[in-house]
Amino acid sequence: MANQLTLNLTLPPPTYAREDFVVADGNREALAWIDRWPDWPAPALSLNGPAGCGKTHLGRIWVARSGAIAMTGADLDGMSVADLTSLAATSPAIVIERAERAPERGLFHLYNLVRERGGHMLLISDEPPARWSIALPDLASRLRAAPAVAVAPPDDELLGSIILKQLADRQLHAGAGVVQYLVSHMERSADAARRVVAALDRRALIERREIDRRLAMDVLADLAGAS
């Protein structure tokens, strides 16, 4: 019963506040571009990197900074030119996650409309636009002319810092070796760190246990079994 309760309580909604973003060498340049807005040299900026590297968090920081609307590439499916015109008129700043999945003509029209209005788009994807399979030459040329900034996955130091911050935010104390064990055995992403620390917190509370390596092992096993 305790295990089931723990699993049910380990997935709080993610927080994407600026103060929760841990800066490191692998994401410093991308954050500098977000902070540089609206002084971008092109209507679009591309953020790219593997899953879990913090691209979504950076996108949400830009949403808070710019008032942008957030959508996915698939959201452009079926949108008419009139729909896109209305979107560009009401949302001069737009974040598009999984942008490589957007229909090419829709993305092309939206890019042009945003540019005409002096707006900006933040395109988030796993690969930079130069590596997308783009059949529309005009779209390819526009996107490849835009700055493309890579975001690296967390290294050991950054992942450990994220875990320590999550523990500190919850006023939790972890025993010796816990952070190092988690860094060596967990999924390498900021979101995974959040989930793991939430699970440690819940299970330690429910089972009245200290956060030690044994609890860390149990939590990682539980989360692996639930995935």
C-alpha atoms as a PDB file:
ATOM      1  CA  MET A   1       0.000   0.000   0.000  1.00  0.00           C
ATOM      2  CA  ALA A   2       2.844   2.370   0.880  1.00  0.00           C
ATOM      3  CA  ASN A   3       4.505   1.773  -2.461  1.00  0.00           C
ATOM      4  CA  GLN A   4       1.271   2.500  -4.308  1.00  0.00           C
ATOM      5  CA  LEU A   5       0.771   5.720  -2.369  1.00  0.00           C
ATOM      6  CA  THR A   6       4.324   6.742  -3.135  1.00  0.00           C
ATOM      7  CA  LEU A   7       3.904   6.176  -6.856  1.00  0.00           C
ATOM      8  CA  ASN A   8       0.671   8.135  -6.910  1.00  0.00           C
ATOM      9  CA  LEU A   9       2.307  11.133  -5.255  1.00  0.00           C
ATOM     10  CA  THR A  10       5.593  11.414  -7.125  1.00  0.00           C
ATOM     11  CA  LEU A  11       4.456  13.419 -10.139  1.00  0.00           C
ATOM     12  CA  PRO A  12       3.764  17.032  -9.135  1.00  0.00           C
ATOM     13  CA  PRO A  13       3.476  19.430 -12.050  1.00  0.00           C
ATOM     14  CA  PRO A  14       6.865  20.719 -13.235  1.00  0.00           C
ATOM     15  CA  THR A  15       7.942  24.207 -12.265  1.00  0.00           C
ATOM     16  CA  TYR A  16       9.505  26.351 -14.967  1.00  0.00           C
ATOM     17  CA  ALA A  17      10.338  29.496 -13.017  1.00  0.00           C
ATOM     18  CA  ARG A  18      13.541  31.340 -13.856  1.00  0.00           C
ATOM     19  CA  GLU A  19      14.869  30.813 -10.331  1.00  0.00           C
ATOM     20  CA  ASP A  20      14.500  27.042 -10.736  1.00  0.00           C
ATOM     21  CA  PHE A  21      16.755  26.946 -13.803  1.00  0.00           C
ATOM     22  CA  VAL A  22      20.272  25.798 -12.904  1.00  0.00           C
ATOM     23  CA  VAL A  23      22.844  27.435 -15.172  1.00  0.00           C
ATOM     24  CA  ALA A  24      25.849  25.475 -16.420  1.00  0.00           C
ATOM     25  CA  ASP A  25      28.263  25.514 -19.333  1.00  0.00           C
ATOM     26  CA  GLY A  26      25.931  23.398 -21.461  1.00  0.00           C
ATOM     27  CA  ASN A  27      22.991  25.820 -21.279  1.00  0.00           C
ATOM     28  CA  ARG A  28      24.620  29.186 -20.555  1.00  0.00           C
ATOM     29  CA  GLU A  29      24.670  30.349 -24.189  1.00  0.00           C
ATOM     30  CA  ALA A  30      21.019  29.409 -24.711  1.00  0.00           C
ATOM     31  CA  LEU A  31      19.962  31.338 -21.603  1.00  0.00           C
ATOM     32  CA  ALA A  32      21.968  34.344 -22.801  1.00  0.00           C
ATOM     33  CA  TRP A  33      19.991  34.326 -26.062  1.00  0.00           C
ATOM     34  CA  ILE A  34      16.711  34.191 -24.114  1.00  0.00           C
ATOM     35  CA  ASP A  35      17.856  37.148 -22.027  1.00  0.00           C
ATOM     36  CA  ARG A  36      18.958  39.003 -25.151  1.00  0.00           C
ATOM     37  CA  TRP A  37      15.413  39.137 -26.551  1.00  0.00           C
ATOM     38  CA  PRO A  38      14.060  41.219 -28.238  1.00  0.00           C
ATOM     39  CA  ASP A  39      17.497  42.031 -29.629  1.00  0.00           C
ATOM     40  CA  TRP A  40      17.617  38.990 -31.904  1.00  0.00           C
ATOM     41  CA  PRO A  41      19.160  39.264 -35.388  1.00  0.00           C
ATOM     42  CA  ALA A  42      16.350  37.269 -37.038  1.00  0.00           C
ATOM     43  CA  PRO A  43      12.622  36.664 -36.505  1.00  0.00           C
ATOM     44  CA  ALA A  44      13.339  33.142 -35.259  1.00  0.00           C
ATOM     45  CA  LEU A  45      15.691  31.495 -32.788  1.00  0.00           C
ATOM     46  CA  SER A  46      16.185  27.736 -32.666  1.00  0.00           C
ATOM     47  CA  LEU A  47      16.919  25.880 -29.439  1.00  0.00           C
ATOM     48  CA  ASN A  48      17.920  22.277 -29.986  1.00  0.00           C
ATOM     49  CA  GLY A  49      19.177  19.389 -27.905  1.00  0.00           C
ATOM     50  CA  PRO A  50      18.245  15.936 -26.607  1.00  0.00           C
ATOM     51  CA  ALA A  51      15.220  15.225 -24.450  1.00  0.00           C
ATOM     52  CA  GLY A  52      15.651  16.354 -20.864  1.00  0.00           C
ATOM     53  CA  CYS A  53      18.307  18.992 -21.533  1.00  0.00           C
ATOM     54  CA  GLY A  54      16.120  21.905 -20.398  1.00  0.00           C
ATOM     55  CA  LYS A  55      14.794  23.237 -23.715  1.00  0.00           C
ATOM     56  CA  THR A  56      11.197  23.383 -22.463  1.00  0.00           C
ATOM     57  CA  HIS A  57      12.273  25.196 -19.302  1.00  0.00           C
ATOM     58  CA  LEU A  58      14.130  27.771 -21.401  1.00  0.00           C
ATOM     59  CA  GLY A  59      11.048  28.151 -23.580  1.00  0.00           C
ATOM     60  CA  ARG A  60       8.873  28.828 -20.547  1.00  0.00           C
ATOM     61  CA  ILE A  61      11.361  31.378 -19.255  1.00  0.00           C
ATOM     62  CA  TRP A  62      10.996  33.168 -22.591  1.00  0.00           C
ATOM     63  CA  VAL A  63       7.195  32.912 -22.357  1.00  0.00           C
ATOM     64  CA  ALA A  64       7.340  34.697 -18.991  1.00  0.00           C
ATOM     65  CA  ARG A  65       9.744  37.287 -20.394  1.00  0.00           C
ATOM     66  CA  SER A  66       8.006  37.976 -23.709  1.00  0.00           C
ATOM     67  CA  GLY A  67       4.363  37.087 -23.085  1.00  0.00           C
ATOM     68  CA  ALA A  68       4.636  34.509 -25.867  1.00  0.00           C
ATOM     69  CA  ILE A  69       1.998  31.912 -26.642  1.00  0.00           C
ATOM     70  CA  ALA A  70       3.240  28.303 -26.410  1.00  0.00           C
ATOM     71  CA  MET A  71       2.224  25.639 -28.914  1.00  0.00           C
ATOM     72  CA  THR A  72       3.569  22.559 -30.677  1.00  0.00           C
ATOM     73  CA  GLY A  73       4.400  22.026 -34.311  1.00  0.00           C
ATOM     74  CA  ALA A  74       1.417  19.718 -34.675  1.00  0.00           C
ATOM     75  CA  ASP A  75      -0.885  22.556 -33.591  1.00  0.00           C
ATOM     76  CA  LEU A  76      -0.291  24.179 -36.980  1.00  0.00           C
ATOM     77  CA  ASP A  77      -1.882  21.242 -38.786  1.00  0.00           C
ATOM     78  CA  GLY A  78      -5.053  22.318 -40.560  1.00  0.00           C
ATOM     79  CA  MET A  79      -4.606  26.029 -39.834  1.00  0.00           C
ATOM     80  CA  SER A  80      -5.576  28.232 -42.768  1.00  0.00           C
ATOM     81  CA  VAL A  81      -3.739  31.373 -43.840  1.00  0.00           C
ATOM     82  CA  ALA A  82      -6.505  33.340 -42.113  1.00  0.00           C
ATOM     83  CA  ASP A  83      -5.911  31.354 -38.904  1.00  0.00           C
ATOM     84  CA  LEU A  84      -2.179  31.964 -39.110  1.00  0.00           C
ATOM     85  CA  THR A  85      -2.720  35.657 -39.800  1.00  0.00           C
ATOM     86  CA  SER A  86      -4.916  35.933 -36.718  1.00  0.00           C
ATOM     87  CA  LEU A  87      -2.338  34.041 -34.637  1.00  0.00           C
ATOM     88  CA  ALA A  88       0.504  36.327 -35.742  1.00  0.00           C
ATOM     89  CA  ALA A  89      -1.606  39.430 -35.164  1.00  0.00           C
ATOM     90  CA  THR A  90      -2.593  38.483 -31.621  1.00  0.00           C
ATOM     91  CA  SER A  91       0.638  36.752 -30.601  1.00  0.00           C
ATOM     92  CA  PRO A  92       3.757  38.630 -31.727  1.00  0.00           C
ATOM     93  CA  ALA A  93       5.870  36.161 -29.726  1.00  0.00           C
ATOM     94  CA  ILE A  94       5.350  32.420 -30.266  1.00  0.00           C
ATOM     95  CA  VAL A  95       7.101  29.335 -28.887  1.00  0.00           C
ATOM     96  CA  ILE A  96       6.773  26.196 -31.006  1.00  0.00           C
ATOM     97  CA  GLU A  97       7.927  22.970 -29.375  1.00  0.00           C
ATOM     98  CA  ARG A  98       8.684  19.954 -31.559  1.00  0.00           C
ATOM     99  CA  ALA A  99       8.864  22.500 -34.329  1.00  0.00           C
ATOM    100  CA  GLU A 100      10.226  19.971 -36.800  1.00  0.00           C
ATOM    101  CA  ARG A 101       6.757  18.360 -36.834  1.00  0.00           C
ATOM    102  CA  ALA A 102       5.041  21.520 -38.057  1.00  0.00           C
ATOM    103  CA  PRO A 103       3.585  21.444 -41.583  1.00  0.00           C
ATOM    104  CA  GLU A 104       6.096  23.212 -43.796  1.00  0.00           C
ATOM    105  CA  ARG A 105       3.725  25.602 -45.536  1.00  0.00           C
ATOM    106  CA  GLY A 106       2.056  26.529 -42.271  1.00  0.00           C
ATOM    107  CA  LEU A 107       5.391  27.238 -40.618  1.00  0.00           C
ATOM    108  CA  PHE A 108       6.563  29.171 -43.693  1.00  0.00           C
ATOM    109  CA  HIS A 109       3.472  31.398 -43.703  1.00  0.00           C
ATOM    110  CA  LEU A 110       3.670  31.938 -39.949  1.00  0.00           C
ATOM    111  CA  TYR A 111       7.341  32.871 -40.152  1.00  0.00           C
ATOM    112  CA  ASN A 112       6.597  35.474 -42.819  1.00  0.00           C
ATOM    113  CA  LEU A 113       3.635  36.876 -40.911  1.00  0.00           C
ATOM    114  CA  VAL A 114       5.605  37.147 -37.681  1.00  0.00           C
ATOM    115  CA  ARG A 115       8.488  38.804 -39.509  1.00  0.00           C
ATOM    116  CA  GLU A 116       6.177  41.343 -41.164  1.00  0.00           C
ATOM    117  CA  ARG A 117       4.862  42.348 -37.744  1.00  0.00           C
ATOM    118  CA  GLY A 118       8.265  42.582 -36.105  1.00  0.00           C
ATOM    119  CA  GLY A 119       7.552  39.581 -33.882  1.00  0.00           C
ATOM    120  CA  HIS A 120       9.639  36.556 -32.950  1.00  0.00           C
ATOM    121  CA  MET A 121       9.374  32.781 -32.841  1.00  0.00           C
ATOM    122  CA  LEU A 122      11.312  30.408 -30.611  1.00  0.00           C
ATOM    123  CA  LEU A 123      11.599  27.030 -32.324  1.00  0.00           C
ATOM    124  CA  ILE A 124      12.381  24.108 -30.024  1.00  0.00           C
ATOM    125  CA  SER A 125      13.470  20.761 -31.435  1.00  0.00           C
ATOM    126  CA  ASP A 126      15.869  17.869 -30.944  1.00  0.00           C
ATOM    127  CA  GLU A 127      17.933  18.789 -34.002  1.00  0.00           C
ATOM    128  CA  PRO A 128      18.747  22.205 -35.513  1.00  0.00           C
ATOM    129  CA  PRO A 129      16.765  23.224 -38.615  1.00  0.00           C
ATOM    130  CA  ALA A 130      19.823  22.557 -40.784  1.00  0.00           C
ATOM    131  CA  ARG A 131      19.286  18.853 -40.070  1.00  0.00           C
ATOM    132  CA  TRP A 132      15.538  18.793 -40.661  1.00  0.00           C
ATOM    133  CA  SER A 133      14.209  17.227 -43.835  1.00  0.00           C
ATOM    134  CA  ILE A 134      12.670  20.356 -45.376  1.00  0.00           C
ATOM    135  CA  ALA A 135      11.226  20.087 -48.880  1.00  0.00           C
ATOM    136  CA  LEU A 136      10.243  23.755 -49.166  1.00  0.00           C
ATOM    137  CA  PRO A 137      13.383  25.672 -50.206  1.00  0.00           C
ATOM    138  CA  ASP A 138      12.168  29.084 -49.034  1.00  0.00           C
ATOM    139  CA  LEU A 139      11.403  27.722 -45.553  1.00  0.00           C
ATOM    140  CA  ALA A 140      14.764  25.952 -45.403  1.00  0.00           C
ATOM    141  CA  SER A 141      16.651  29.132 -46.273  1.00  0.00           C
ATOM    142  CA  ARG A 142      14.796  31.211 -43.694  1.00  0.00           C
ATOM    143  CA  LEU A 143      15.262  28.756 -40.856  1.00  0.00           C
ATOM    144  CA  ARG A 144      18.884  28.043 -41.654  1.00  0.00           C
ATOM    145  CA  ALA A 145      19.601  31.778 -41.570  1.00  0.00           C
ATOM    146  CA  ALA A 146      18.240  32.022 -38.030  1.00  0.00           C
ATOM    147  CA  PRO A 147      20.529  31.521 -35.006  1.00  0.00           C
ATOM    148  CA  ALA A 148      20.554  27.903 -33.800  1.00  0.00           C
ATOM    149  CA  VAL A 149      21.718  27.306 -30.240  1.00  0.00           C
ATOM    150  CA  ALA A 150      22.457  23.847 -28.855  1.00  0.00           C
ATOM    151  CA  VAL A 151      21.544  22.901 -25.286  1.00  0.00           C
ATOM    152  CA  ALA A 152      23.671  20.090 -23.873  1.00  0.00           C
ATOM    153  CA  PRO A 153      22.291  17.350 -21.615  1.00  0.00           C
ATOM    154  CA  PRO A 154      23.157  17.715 -17.915  1.00  0.00           C
ATOM    155  CA  ASP A 155      26.643  16.544 -16.995  1.00  0.00           C
ATOM    156  CA  ASP A 156      27.358  15.015 -13.585  1.00  0.00           C
ATOM    157  CA  GLU A 157      28.025  18.380 -11.957  1.00  0.00           C
ATOM    158  CA  LEU A 158      24.863  19.999 -13.273  1.00  0.00           C
ATOM    159  CA  LEU A 159      22.653  17.007 -12.485  1.00  0.00           C
ATOM    160  CA  GLY A 160      24.049  16.905  -8.947  1.00  0.00           C
ATOM    161  CA  SER A 161      23.402  20.640  -8.559  1.00  0.00           C
ATOM    162  CA  ILE A 162      19.814  20.213  -9.726  1.00  0.00           C
ATOM    163  CA  ILE A 163      19.243  17.396  -7.220  1.00  0.00           C
ATOM    164  CA  LEU A 164      20.775  19.437  -4.396  1.00  0.00           C
ATOM    165  CA  LYS A 165      18.586  22.422  -5.269  1.00  0.00           C
ATOM    166  CA  GLN A 166      15.465  20.249  -5.329  1.00  0.00           C
ATOM    167  CA  LEU A 167      16.404  18.820  -1.926  1.00  0.00           C
ATOM    168  CA  ALA A 168      17.104  22.293  -0.503  1.00  0.00           C
ATOM    169  CA  ASP A 169      13.811  23.662  -1.847  1.00  0.00           C
ATOM    170  CA  ARG A 170      12.010  20.906   0.059  1.00  0.00           C
ATOM    171  CA  GLN A 171      14.222  21.383   3.141  1.00  0.00           C
ATOM    172  CA  LEU A 172      15.400  17.790   2.879  1.00  0.00           C
ATOM    173  CA  HIS A 173      18.706  16.317   4.023  1.00  0.00           C
ATOM    174  CA  ALA A 174      20.233  13.442   2.082  1.00  0.00           C
ATOM    175  CA  GLY A 175      22.747  11.064   3.602  1.00  0.00           C
ATOM    176  CA  ALA A 176      26.293  10.615   2.397  1.00  0.00           C
ATOM    177  CA  GLY A 177      26.598   9.327  -1.137  1.00  0.00           C
ATOM    178  CA  VAL A 178      22.916   9.741  -2.052  1.00  0.00           C
ATOM    179  CA  VAL A 179      23.418  12.465  -4.650  1.00  0.00           C
ATOM    180  CA  GLN A 180      26.368  10.659  -6.227  1.00  0.00           C
ATOM    181  CA  TYR A 181      24.352   7.428  -6.380  1.00  0.00           C
ATOM    182  CA  LEU A 182      21.407   9.153  -8.031  1.00  0.00           C
ATOM    183  CA  VAL A 183      23.621  10.904 -10.572  1.00  0.00           C
ATOM    184  CA  SER A 184      25.170   7.562 -11.530  1.00  0.00           C
ATOM    185  CA  HIS A 185      21.917   5.609 -11.843  1.00  0.00           C
ATOM    186  CA  MET A 186      19.025   7.896 -12.815  1.00  0.00           C
ATOM    187  CA  GLU A 187      17.817   9.288 -16.126  1.00  0.00           C
ATOM    188  CA  ARG A 188      19.924  12.294 -17.041  1.00  0.00           C
ATOM    189  CA  SER A 189      17.415  15.119 -17.128  1.00  0.00           C
ATOM    190  CA  ALA A 190      16.261  17.981 -14.941  1.00  0.00           C
ATOM    191  CA  ASP A 191      12.701  16.685 -15.019  1.00  0.00           C
ATOM    192  CA  ALA A 192      13.853  13.253 -13.831  1.00  0.00           C
ATOM    193  CA  ALA A 193      15.708  14.907 -10.955  1.00  0.00           C
ATOM    194  CA  ARG A 194      12.516  16.675  -9.940  1.00  0.00           C
ATOM    195  CA  ARG A 195      10.534  13.441 -10.035  1.00  0.00           C
ATOM    196  CA  VAL A 196      13.162  11.494  -8.097  1.00  0.00           C
ATOM    197  CA  VAL A 197      13.426  14.067  -5.306  1.00  0.00           C
ATOM    198  CA  ALA A 198       9.634  14.283  -5.070  1.00  0.00           C
ATOM    199  CA  ALA A 199       9.512  10.500  -4.768  1.00  0.00           C
ATOM    200  CA  LEU A 200      12.227  10.494  -2.101  1.00  0.00           C
ATOM    201  CA  ASP A 201      10.301  13.120  -0.149  1.00  0.00           C
ATOM    202  CA  ARG A 202       6.999  11.235  -0.336  1.00  0.00           C
ATOM    203  CA  ARG A 203       8.410   7.834   0.468  1.00  0.00           C
ATOM    204  CA  ALA A 204      10.575   9.099   3.320  1.00  0.00           C
ATOM    205  CA  LEU A 205       7.477  10.758   4.811  1.00  0.00           C
ATOM    206  CA  ILE A 206       5.141   7.802   4.355  1.00  0.00           C
ATOM    207  CA  GLU A 207       7.603   5.174   5.553  1.00  0.00           C
ATOM    208  CA  ARG A 208       9.315   7.423   8.123  1.00  0.00           C
ATOM    209  CA  ARG A 209      12.718   6.686   6.661  1.00  0.00           C
ATOM    210  CA  GLU A 210      15.833   8.760   6.275  1.00  0.00           C
ATOM    211  CA  ILE A 211      16.945   9.642   2.762  1.00  0.00           C
ATOM    212  CA  ASP A 212      19.886   7.295   2.379  1.00  0.00           C
ATOM    213  CA  ARG A 213      21.290   5.174  -0.422  1.00  0.00           C
ATOM    214  CA  ARG A 214      18.883   2.312   0.315  1.00  0.00           C
ATOM    215  CA  LEU A 215      15.878   4.607  -0.030  1.00  0.00           C
ATOM    216  CA  ALA A 216      17.370   6.067  -3.202  1.00  0.00           C
ATOM    217  CA  MET A 217      17.720   2.548  -4.615  1.00  0.00           C
ATOM    218  CA  ASP A 218      14.113   1.701  -3.712  1.00  0.00           C
ATOM    219  CA  VAL A 219      12.752   4.897  -5.264  1.00  0.00           C
ATOM    220  CA  LEU A 220      14.654   4.433  -8.512  1.00  0.00           C
ATOM    221  CA  ALA A 221      13.403   0.844  -8.702  1.00  0.00           C
ATOM    222  CA  ASP A 222       9.814   2.019  -8.125  1.00  0.00           C
ATOM    223  CA  LEU A 223      10.055   4.718 -10.769  1.00  0.00           C
ATOM    224  CA  ALA A 224      11.623   2.313 -13.264  1.00  0.00           C
ATOM    225  CA  GLY A 225       8.798  -0.169 -12.659  1.00  0.00           C
ATOM    226  CA  ALA A 226       6.162   2.521 -13.142  1.00  0.00           C
ATOM    227  CA  SER A 227       7.572   3.767 -16.448  1.00  0.00           C
END
